[in-house]
PDB file of N, CA and C in Angstrom:
ATOM      1  N   MET A   1       0.910  -0.375   0.362  1.00  0.00           N
ATOM      2  CA  MET A   1      -0.155  -0.212   0.275  1.00  0.00           C
ATOM      3  C   MET A   1       0.484   1.438  -0.151  1.00  0.00           C
ATOM      4  N   HIS A   2       0.508   2.235  -0.909  1.00  0.00           N
ATOM      5  CA  HIS A   2       1.409   3.440  -0.524  1.00  0.00           C
ATOM      6  C   HIS A   2       0.571   4.860  -0.354  1.00  0.00           C
ATOM      7  N   CYS A   3       0.835   5.974   0.685  1.00  0.00           N
ATOM      8  CA  CYS A   3       0.353   7.404   1.069  1.00  0.00           C
ATOM      9  C   CYS A   3      -0.160   7.797   0.082  1.00  0.00           C
ATOM     10  N   TYR A   4      -1.365   7.458   0.879  1.00  0.00           N
ATOM     11  CA  TYR A   4      -2.240   7.879  -0.235  1.00  0.00           C
ATOM     12  C   TYR A   4      -2.335  10.225  -0.381  1.00  0.00           C
ATOM     13  N   GLU A   5      -2.077  10.844   0.360  1.00  0.00           N
ATOM     14  CA  GLU A   5      -2.064  12.157   0.481  1.00  0.00           C
ATOM     15  C   GLU A   5      -0.507  12.065  -0.305  1.00  0.00           C
ATOM     16  N   CYS A   6       0.089  11.201  -0.850  1.00  0.00           N
ATOM     17  CA  CYS A   6       1.598  11.109  -1.778  1.00  0.00           C
ATOM     18  C   CYS A   6       1.519  11.403  -3.102  1.00  0.00           C
ATOM     19  N   ALA A   7       0.233  10.205  -3.161  1.00  0.00           N
ATOM     20  CA  ALA A   7      -0.159   9.673  -4.814  1.00  0.00           C
ATOM     21  C   ALA A   7      -0.253  10.813  -5.186  1.00  0.00           C
ATOM     22  N   LEU A   8      -1.482  11.670  -4.528  1.00  0.00           N
ATOM     23  CA  LEU A   8      -1.870  12.932  -4.519  1.00  0.00           C
ATOM     24  C   LEU A   8      -1.080  13.646  -5.337  1.00  0.00           C
ATOM     25  N   GLN A   9       0.685  13.564  -5.347  1.00  0.00           N
ATOM     26  CA  GLN A   9       1.753  14.327  -5.732  1.00  0.00           C
ATOM     27  C   GLN A   9       2.712  14.206  -6.370  1.00  0.00           C
ATOM     28  N   ASP A  10       1.754  12.371  -6.676  1.00  0.00           N
ATOM     29  CA  ASP A  10       2.532  11.554  -7.495  1.00  0.00           C
ATOM     30  C   ASP A  10       3.695  11.086  -7.964  1.00  0.00           C
ATOM     31  N   SER A  11       3.311  10.394  -5.713  1.00  0.00           N
ATOM     32  CA  SER A  11       5.036  10.258  -5.559  1.00  0.00           C
ATOM     33  C   SER A  11       4.406   8.725  -4.869  1.00  0.00           C
ATOM     34  N   ALA A  12       5.620   8.135  -5.684  1.00  0.00           N
ATOM     35  CA  ALA A  12       4.827   6.268  -5.054  1.00  0.00           C
ATOM     36  C   ALA A  12       6.143   5.737  -3.248  1.00  0.00           C
ATOM     37  N   THR A  13       5.324   6.157  -2.768  1.00  0.00           N
ATOM     38  CA  THR A  13       6.061   7.001  -0.407  1.00  0.00           C
ATOM     39  C   THR A  13       5.113   5.206  -0.772  1.00  0.00           C
ATOM     40  N   PRO A  14       5.653   4.396  -0.367  1.00  0.00           N
ATOM     41  CA  PRO A  14       5.076   2.830   1.009  1.00  0.00           C
ATOM     42  C   PRO A  14       4.515   3.296   1.818  1.00  0.00           C
ATOM     43  N   ALA A  15       3.489   3.167   2.598  1.00  0.00           N
ATOM     44  CA  ALA A  15       2.963   3.474   3.846  1.00  0.00           C
ATOM     45  C   ALA A  15       3.050   2.481   4.788  1.00  0.00           C
ATOM     46  N   VAL A  16       2.796   3.405   6.429  1.00  0.00           N
ATOM     47  CA  VAL A  16       3.921   2.953   7.183  1.00  0.00           C
ATOM     48  C   VAL A  16       2.249   1.894   8.570  1.00  0.00           C
ATOM     49  N   ALA A  17       1.355   2.996   7.698  1.00  0.00           N
ATOM     50  CA  ALA A  17       0.189   2.467   8.868  1.00  0.00           C
ATOM     51  C   ALA A  17      -1.169   3.414   7.640  1.00  0.00           C
ATOM     52  N   ALA A  18      -1.876   2.907   8.443  1.00  0.00           N
ATOM     53  CA  ALA A  18      -3.715   3.360   7.491  1.00  0.00           C
ATOM     54  C   ALA A  18      -4.126   4.028   8.923  1.00  0.00           C
ATOM     55  N   CYS A  19      -4.897   4.583   9.082  1.00  0.00           N
ATOM     56  CA  CYS A  19      -5.984   6.382   9.522  1.00  0.00           C
ATOM     57  C   CYS A  19      -6.369   5.036  10.520  1.00  0.00           C
ATOM     58  N   VAL A  20      -6.817   5.405  11.367  1.00  0.00           N
ATOM     59  CA  VAL A  20      -7.976   5.023  11.824  1.00  0.00           C
ATOM     60  C   VAL A  20      -9.113   5.246  11.745  1.00  0.00           C
ATOM     61  N   ARG A  21      -9.791   6.671  11.518  1.00  0.00           N
ATOM     62  CA  ARG A  21     -11.061   7.125  10.953  1.00  0.00           C
ATOM     63  C   ARG A  21     -11.151   6.760   9.278  1.00  0.00           C
ATOM     64  N   CYS A  22     -10.126   6.853   8.590  1.00  0.00           N
ATOM     65  CA  CYS A  22     -11.139   6.594   6.955  1.00  0.00           C
ATOM     66  C   CYS A  22     -10.264   5.753   5.849  1.00  0.00           C
ATOM     67  N   GLY A  23      -9.329   4.969   7.687  1.00  0.00           N
ATOM     68  CA  GLY A  23      -8.087   3.636   6.506  1.00  0.00           C
ATOM     69  C   GLY A  23      -7.630   3.644   5.087  1.00  0.00           C
ATOM     70  N   CYS A  24      -6.824   5.130   4.831  1.00  0.00           N
ATOM     71  CA  CYS A  24      -6.592   6.028   4.472  1.00  0.00           C
ATOM     72  C   CYS A  24      -5.135   4.755   4.990  1.00  0.00           C
ATOM     73  N   GLY A  25      -4.435   4.448   3.695  1.00  0.00           N
ATOM     74  CA  GLY A  25      -2.481   4.423   4.348  1.00  0.00           C
ATOM     75  C   GLY A  25      -1.657   5.919   4.831  1.00  0.00           C
ATOM     76  N   VAL A  26      -0.795   5.584   5.104  1.00  0.00           N
ATOM     77  CA  VAL A  26      -0.059   7.017   4.913  1.00  0.00           C
ATOM     78  C   VAL A  26       1.229   6.710   6.067  1.00  0.00           C
ATOM     79  N   CYS A  27       2.392   7.710   5.050  1.00  0.00           N
ATOM     80  CA  CYS A  27       3.908   7.259   5.075  1.00  0.00           C
ATOM     81  C   CYS A  27       4.097   8.291   6.363  1.00  0.00           C
ATOM     82  N   LEU A  28       5.555   7.910   6.660  1.00  0.00           N
ATOM     83  CA  LEU A  28       6.301   8.572   8.105  1.00  0.00           C
ATOM     84  C   LEU A  28       5.425  10.033   7.917  1.00  0.00           C
ATOM     85  N   LYS A  29       5.613  10.463   6.898  1.00  0.00           N
ATOM     86  CA  LYS A  29       5.616  12.065   6.362  1.00  0.00           C
ATOM     87  C   LYS A  29       4.266  12.610   6.934  1.00  0.00           C
ATOM     88  N   HIS A  30       3.327  11.959   7.048  1.00  0.00           N
ATOM     89  CA  HIS A  30       1.657  12.029   7.107  1.00  0.00           C
ATOM     90  C   HIS A  30       1.139  11.396   7.934  1.00  0.00           C
ATOM     91  N   ALA A  31       1.828  11.124   8.799  1.00  0.00           N
ATOM     92  CA  ALA A  31       0.975  10.186   9.925  1.00  0.00           C
ATOM     93  C   ALA A  31       0.561  11.407  10.840  1.00  0.00           C
ATOM     94  N   LYS A  32      -0.305  11.262  11.336  1.00  0.00           N
ATOM     95  CA  LYS A  32       0.102  11.691  13.031  1.00  0.00           C
ATOM     96  C   LYS A  32      -0.811  10.834  14.573  1.00  0.00           C
ATOM     97  N   VAL A  33      -0.129  10.780  14.964  1.00  0.00           N
ATOM     98  CA  VAL A  33       0.373   9.925  16.137  1.00  0.00           C
ATOM     99  C   VAL A  33       0.278  10.650  17.569  1.00  0.00           C
ATOM    100  N   ALA A  34      -0.868  10.355  17.750  1.00  0.00           N
ATOM    101  CA  ALA A  34      -1.129  10.218  19.784  1.00  0.00           C
ATOM    102  C   ALA A  34      -1.120   9.652  19.848  1.00  0.00           C
ATOM    103  N   GLU A  35      -1.869   9.966  21.565  1.00  0.00           N
ATOM    104  CA  GLU A  35      -1.670   8.426  22.446  1.00  0.00           C
ATOM    105  C   GLU A  35      -3.991   8.401  22.587  1.00  0.00           C
ATOM    106  N   GLN A  36      -3.997   7.487  22.955  1.00  0.00           N
ATOM    107  CA  GLN A  36      -5.759   7.548  23.093  1.00  0.00           C
ATOM    108  C   GLN A  36      -5.651   6.889  25.000  1.00  0.00           C
ATOM    109  N   LEU A  37      -6.431   7.299  25.442  1.00  0.00           N
ATOM    110  CA  LEU A  37      -6.978   6.421  27.163  1.00  0.00           C
ATOM    111  C   LEU A  37      -7.125   5.166  26.638  1.00  0.00           C
ATOM    112  N   VAL A  38      -7.610   4.713  27.152  1.00  0.00           N
ATOM    113  CA  VAL A  38      -7.998   3.411  27.035  1.00  0.00           C
ATOM    114  C   VAL A  38      -9.170   2.203  28.474  1.00  0.00           C
ATOM    115  N   HIS A  39     -10.284   2.664  28.022  1.00  0.00           N
ATOM    116  CA  HIS A  39     -11.211   2.162  29.209  1.00  0.00           C
ATOM    117  C   HIS A  39     -11.319   1.208  29.607  1.00  0.00           C
ATOM    118  N   HIS A  40     -11.130   1.006  30.624  1.00  0.00           N
ATOM    119  CA  HIS A  40     -11.900  -0.072  31.616  1.00  0.00           C
ATOM    120  C   HIS A  40     -13.275   0.042  31.469  1.00  0.00           C
ATOM    121  N   GLU A  41     -14.011  -0.971  31.931  1.00  0.00           N
ATOM    122  CA  GLU A  41     -14.916  -1.267  33.194  1.00  0.00           C
ATOM    123  C   GLU A  41     -14.536  -1.729  34.448  1.00  0.00           C
ATOM    124  N   ALA A  42     -14.751  -0.780  35.537  1.00  0.00           N
ATOM    125  CA  ALA A  42     -14.447  -1.470  36.441  1.00  0.00           C
ATOM    126  C   ALA A  42     -15.274  -1.051  37.697  1.00  0.00           C
ATOM    127  N   GLY A  43     -16.743  -1.694  38.309  1.00  0.00           N
ATOM    128  CA  GLY A  43     -17.582  -1.703  39.024  1.00  0.00           C
ATOM    129  C   GLY A  43     -18.963  -0.412  38.359  1.00  0.00           C
ATOM    130  N   LEU A  44     -18.900   0.030  39.246  1.00  0.00           N
ATOM    131  CA  LEU A  44     -20.125   1.174  38.686  1.00  0.00           C
ATOM    132  C   LEU A  44     -19.021   2.371  37.576  1.00  0.00           C
ATOM    133  N   GLY A  45     -18.325   1.920  37.718  1.00  0.00           N
ATOM    134  CA  GLY A  45     -17.787   3.107  36.819  1.00  0.00           C
ATOM    135  C   GLY A  45     -16.639   2.734  35.473  1.00  0.00           C
ATOM    136  N   GLN A  46     -16.226   3.427  35.281  1.00  0.00           N
ATOM    137  CA  GLN A  46     -14.820   3.619  34.239  1.00  0.00           C
ATOM    138  C   GLN A  46     -13.154   3.813  35.150  1.00  0.00           C
ATOM    139  N   THR A  47     -12.473   3.282  34.177  1.00  0.00           N
ATOM    140  CA  THR A  47     -10.781   3.502  34.206  1.00  0.00           C
ATOM    141  C   THR A  47      -9.707   3.161  33.149  1.00  0.00           C
ATOM    142  N   TYR A  48      -9.530   4.082  34.097  1.00  0.00           N
ATOM    143  CA  TYR A  48      -8.356   3.941  32.558  1.00  0.00           C
ATOM    144  C   TYR A  48      -6.835   2.715  32.925  1.00  0.00           C
ATOM    145  N   GLY A  49      -6.457   2.419  31.744  1.00  0.00           N
ATOM    146  CA  GLY A  49      -5.598   1.117  31.479  1.00  0.00           C
ATOM    147  C   GLY A  49      -4.514   1.696  31.970  1.00  0.00           C
ATOM    148  N   PRO A  50      -3.050   1.649  32.130  1.00  0.00           N
ATOM    149  CA  PRO A  50      -2.096   1.832  33.054  1.00  0.00           C
ATOM    150  C   PRO A  50      -0.721   2.857  31.956  1.00  0.00           C
ATOM    151  N   ARG A  51      -0.987   2.509  30.745  1.00  0.00           N
ATOM    152  CA  ARG A  51      -0.652   3.328  29.630  1.00  0.00           C
ATOM    153  C   ARG A  51      -1.796   3.670  28.482  1.00  0.00           C
ATOM    154  N   ALA A  52      -0.856   4.727  27.628  1.00  0.00           N
ATOM    155  CA  ALA A  52      -2.711   4.924  26.518  1.00  0.00           C
ATOM    156  C   ALA A  52      -1.894   4.476  25.514  1.00  0.00           C
ATOM    157  N   ALA A  53      -2.527   4.144  24.061  1.00  0.00           N
ATOM    158  CA  ALA A  53      -2.229   3.707  22.876  1.00  0.00           C
ATOM    159  C   ALA A  53      -2.117   4.514  22.395  1.00  0.00           C
ATOM    160  N   ARG A  54      -1.646   4.269  21.009  1.00  0.00           N
ATOM    161  CA  ARG A  54      -1.312   4.791  19.592  1.00  0.00           C
ATOM    162  C   ARG A  54      -2.558   4.282  18.509  1.00  0.00           C
ATOM    163  N   ARG A  55      -2.443   5.956  18.293  1.00  0.00           N
ATOM    164  CA  ARG A  55      -4.011   6.263  17.614  1.00  0.00           C
ATOM    165  C   ARG A  55      -3.201   7.030  16.575  1.00  0.00           C
ATOM    166  N   VAL A  56      -3.113   6.781  15.008  1.00  0.00           N
ATOM    167  CA  VAL A  56      -2.617   7.140  14.265  1.00  0.00           C
ATOM    168  C   VAL A  56      -3.644   7.711  13.076  1.00  0.00           C
ATOM    169  N   THR A  57      -3.814   8.853  12.390  1.00  0.00           N
ATOM    170  CA  THR A  57      -5.017   8.823  11.379  1.00  0.00           C
ATOM    171  C   THR A  57      -3.579   9.042  10.165  1.00  0.00           C
ATOM    172  N   CYS A  58      -4.478  10.249   9.626  1.00  0.00           N
ATOM    173  CA  CYS A  58      -3.900  10.810   8.817  1.00  0.00           C
ATOM    174  C   CYS A  58      -4.767  12.415   8.520  1.00  0.00           C
ATOM    175  N   GLN A  59      -3.700  13.279   7.990  1.00  0.00           N
ATOM    176  CA  GLN A  59      -3.608  14.643   8.357  1.00  0.00           C
ATOM    177  C   GLN A  59      -5.008  14.929   8.246  1.00  0.00           C
ATOM    178  N   THR A  60      -5.734  14.862   7.319  1.00  0.00           N
ATOM    179  CA  THR A  60      -6.752  14.842   6.953  1.00  0.00           C
ATOM    180  C   THR A  60      -8.193  14.620   8.235  1.00  0.00           C
ATOM    181  N   CYS A  61      -7.955  13.869   8.837  1.00  0.00           N
ATOM    182  CA  CYS A  61      -9.454  13.210  10.273  1.00  0.00           C
ATOM    183  C   CYS A  61      -8.428  14.148  11.219  1.00  0.00           C
ATOM    184  N   HIS A  62      -6.831  14.494  11.360  1.00  0.00           N
ATOM    185  CA  HIS A  62      -6.517  14.882  12.417  1.00  0.00           C
ATOM    186  C   HIS A  62      -7.503  16.503  12.304  1.00  0.00           C
ATOM    187  N   ASP A  63      -7.350  16.931  11.580  1.00  0.00           N
ATOM    188  CA  ASP A  63      -8.025  19.102  11.234  1.00  0.00           C
ATOM    189  C   ASP A  63      -8.903  18.491  11.518  1.00  0.00           C
ATOM    190  N   ALA A  64      -9.570  17.293  11.120  1.00  0.00           N
ATOM    191  CA  ALA A  64     -11.157  17.380  11.512  1.00  0.00           C
ATOM    192  C   ALA A  64     -11.814  17.236  12.780  1.00  0.00           C
ATOM    193  N   GLU A  65     -10.720  16.072  13.786  1.00  0.00           N
ATOM    194  CA  GLU A  65     -10.899  15.859  14.740  1.00  0.00           C
ATOM    195  C   GLU A  65     -10.673  17.264  15.896  1.00  0.00           C
ATOM    196  N   ALA A  66      -9.981  17.377  15.399  1.00  0.00           N
ATOM    197  CA  ALA A  66      -9.238  19.157  15.956  1.00  0.00           C
ATOM    198  C   ALA A  66     -10.043  20.099  16.192  1.00  0.00           C
ATOM    199  N   SER A  67     -10.632  20.681  14.306  1.00  0.00           N
ATOM    200  CA  SER A  67     -11.705  22.264  14.482  1.00  0.00           C
ATOM    201  C   SER A  67     -13.189  21.299  15.106  1.00  0.00           C
ATOM    202  N   GLY A  68     -13.156  20.165  15.226  1.00  0.00           N
ATOM    203  CA  GLY A  68     -14.836  19.263  16.109  1.00  0.00           C
ATOM    204  C   GLY A  68     -15.647  19.775  15.435  1.00  0.00           C
ATOM    205  N   GLN A  69     -15.388  19.420  13.937  1.00  0.00           N
ATOM    206  CA  GLN A  69     -16.655  20.250  12.807  1.00  0.00           C
ATOM    207  C   GLN A  69     -17.162  18.020  12.188  1.00  0.00           C
ATOM    208  N   VAL A  70     -18.114  18.099  12.458  1.00  0.00           N
ATOM    209  CA  VAL A  70     -18.992  17.438  11.643  1.00  0.00           C
ATOM    210  C   VAL A  70     -20.039  17.231  10.663  1.00  0.00           C
ATOM    211  N   ARG A  71     -19.661  16.416   9.817  1.00  0.00           N
ATOM    212  CA  ARG A  71     -20.866  16.763   8.359  1.00  0.00           C
ATOM    213  C   ARG A  71     -21.355  16.058   7.569  1.00  0.00           C
ATOM    214  N   HIS A  72     -22.707  15.688   8.189  1.00  0.00           N
ATOM    215  CA  HIS A  72     -23.739  15.045   7.301  1.00  0.00           C
ATOM    216  C   HIS A  72     -23.525  14.717   6.584  1.00  0.00           C
ATOM    217  N   ALA A  73     -23.791  13.664   5.269  1.00  0.00           N
ATOM    218  CA  ALA A  73     -24.107  13.454   4.057  1.00  0.00           C
ATOM    219  C   ALA A  73     -25.398  13.550   3.857  1.00  0.00           C
ATOM    220  N   GLY A  74     -25.491  14.407   2.984  1.00  0.00           N
ATOM    221  CA  GLY A  74     -27.306  14.204   3.028  1.00  0.00           C
ATOM    222  C   GLY A  74     -28.027  14.690   1.583  1.00  0.00           C
TER     223      GLY A  74
END
């Protein structure tokens, strides 16, 4: 699989991950990596695991999540 963003620029760069939101392949240059807390059920509430998980997104999904914008197809 090749990086989608690089392919748009007529470059064939191998992807190192897939965006967890849209599934596009991303290379190291275009991958956005963040930590995400892992929830566990615990009695009457939730607790978090001792370590955060890794979450990889493409630039487009990263920007959409950061802005909080949601569009519905219509």
